[in-house]
Structure formats: C-alpha cells, structure tokens
Protein backbone atom coordinates (compact mmCIF):
# COMPACT_ATOMS: atom_id res chain seq x y z
CA UNK A 1 7.42 4.92 -12.84
CA UNK A 2 4.08 6.56 -11.55
CA UNK A 3 4.60 9.21 -8.91
CA UNK A 4 1.97 10.30 -6.43
CA UNK A 5 1.48 13.38 -4.20
CA UNK A 6 0.00 11.87 -0.86
CA UNK A 7 -1.52 14.27 1.89
CA UNK A 8 -2.08 12.35 5.00
CA UNK A 9 -4.29 13.84 7.61
CA UNK A 10 -3.79 13.00 11.39
CA UNK A 11 -7.18 12.73 13.70
CA UNK A 12 -8.59 15.84 15.18
CA UNK A 13 -9.36 14.16 18.78
CA UNK A 14 -7.68 15.43 21.59
CA UNK A 15 -5.42 12.23 21.71
CA UNK A 16 -4.14 12.78 18.36
CA UNK A 17 -0.87 14.68 19.12
CA UNK A 18 0.15 12.08 21.65
CA UNK A 19 -0.50 9.34 19.09
CA UNK A 20 1.84 11.05 16.80
CA UNK A 21 4.36 12.17 19.39
CA UNK A 22 4.49 8.12 20.58
CA UNK A 23 4.78 6.88 17.14
CA UNK A 24 7.43 9.20 15.40
CA UNK A 25 10.50 7.13 16.22
CA UNK A 26 8.72 3.79 14.85
CA UNK A 27 7.54 6.07 11.69
CA UNK A 28 11.12 7.44 10.89
CA UNK A 29 12.95 4.30 11.40
CA UNK A 30 10.36 2.68 8.96
CA UNK A 31 11.00 5.37 6.44
CA UNK A 32 14.92 3.98 5.70
CA UNK A 33 13.91 1.41 3.53
CA UNK A 34 11.47 3.15 1.17
CA UNK A 35 13.99 6.12 0.84
CA UNK A 36 17.07 3.77 0.14
CA UNK A 37 14.64 1.84 -2.52
CA UNK A 38 13.54 5.36 -4.13
CA UNK A 39 10.20 4.91 -3.43
CA UNK A 40 9.98 8.11 -1.34
CA UNK A 41 11.15 11.10 -3.11
CA UNK A 42 10.61 13.90 -0.32
CA UNK A 43 8.21 14.44 2.65
CA UNK A 44 7.44 15.82 5.85
CA UNK A 45 4.76 17.24 8.38
CA UNK A 46 1.89 19.46 7.86
CA UNK A 47 1.64 22.32 10.49
CA UNK A 48 -1.35 24.31 11.49
CA UNK A 49 -1.31 28.09 12.24
CA UNK A 50 0.26 27.22 15.55
CA UNK A 51 2.91 25.36 13.91
CA UNK A 52 1.41 21.92 15.53
CA UNK A 53 1.70 18.97 13.13
CA UNK A 54 -1.73 17.80 11.78
CA UNK A 55 -0.46 15.53 8.95
CA UNK A 56 2.12 14.71 6.81
CA UNK A 57 2.71 14.84 2.78
CA UNK A 58 4.97 12.78 0.56
CA UNK A 59 5.79 12.36 -3.13
CA UNK A 60 6.20 8.78 -3.73
CA UNK A 61 7.51 6.74 -6.79
CA UNK A 62 5.99 3.38 -6.91
CA UNK A 63 5.08 0.78 -9.75
CA UNK A 64 1.55 1.52 -9.39
CA UNK A 65 -1.27 2.47 -6.60
CA UNK A 66 -1.39 -0.80 -5.01
CA UNK A 67 2.54 -0.69 -4.10
CA UNK A 68 1.55 3.18 -2.75
CA UNK A 69 -1.21 1.96 -0.70
CA UNK A 70 0.58 -1.17 0.90
CA UNK A 71 3.65 1.41 1.50
CA UNK A 72 1.05 3.51 3.43
CA UNK A 73 -0.69 0.58 5.26
CA UNK A 74 2.35 -0.57 6.51
CA UNK A 75 3.84 2.74 8.00
CA UNK A 76 3.41 2.92 11.94
CA UNK A 77 1.75 6.08 11.36
CA UNK A 78 -1.25 4.18 9.80
CA UNK A 79 -1.10 1.34 12.31
CA UNK A 80 -0.53 3.55 14.98
CA UNK A 81 -4.02 5.56 14.11
CA UNK A 82 -1.99 8.70 13.57
CA UNK A 83 -3.19 9.01 9.68
CA UNK A 84 -6.97 8.94 9.49
CA UNK A 85 -7.61 10.37 6.08
CA UNK A 86 -5.55 10.16 2.95
CA UNK A 87 -5.74 12.13 -0.53
CA UNK A 88 -3.61 10.60 -3.56
CA UNK A 89 -3.07 12.45 -6.58
CA UNK A 90 -1.13 11.12 -9.41
CA UNK A 91 1.61 13.68 -10.19
CA UNK A 92 4.83 13.89 -12.47
CA UNK A 93 8.09 15.90 -10.88
CA UNK A 94 9.19 18.41 -13.39
CA UNK A 95 11.63 20.37 -11.16
CA UNK A 96 14.25 18.50 -8.84
CA UNK A 97 17.67 19.44 -7.09
CA UNK A 98 17.81 22.25 -9.29
CA UNK A 99 17.02 20.97 -12.69
CA UNK A 100 13.94 20.92 -15.00
CA UNK A 101 12.95 17.64 -16.33
CA UNK A 102 10.22 18.56 -19.26
C-alpha cells in the first residue's frame, strides 16, 4: 500500500494558535478510527523555535492519494481552518519499531 509523508502547516495569523487549541480535542478524537485502521502510522505537531505548534506531520498508509486527501479533508483541523498549507510526498518506511525492512 502506498505511504505518504505529509506536512501540514497552520495559518500564520494572530488567531491561528487559538483555532488549534480549540479544535485539538476534536482532532485527537478523530484520529482514533484512522489509527485503528492502520492508516496513520505516526504523526504529531511541528514546533517553532519557541516550542509553539506551527503545524503537523504524519506518515499515512493509504490505498492512494485520493484516500489520503479525503482523510485530510475530513480532519477537524482542516475543517476548523487550522491547517492552511499541505505538502505531500510519496515515501516508503524502511525502519520501524527497531527493524529494517529493505
């Protein structure tokens, strides 16, 4: 199954941190189904130099780009206008859980 490395950047406006904070509980709750289905391999926030969140990263294991795009579109951070720029790169995970898979 194709894997994708995704970088999702928050808005840079003054309200961006409060949008992220208020949407975070729904975002975290919404991750459960994709984690349980094996669609999200890993992920988390990206921080600036002051350790303030400015975006997110994830590795997704999806059938294709369309499935990935739908997953991102349905995330509360997308619907809540937290993420405002998305970069996607096809990748293949080689090292995981202390094991190498060539």
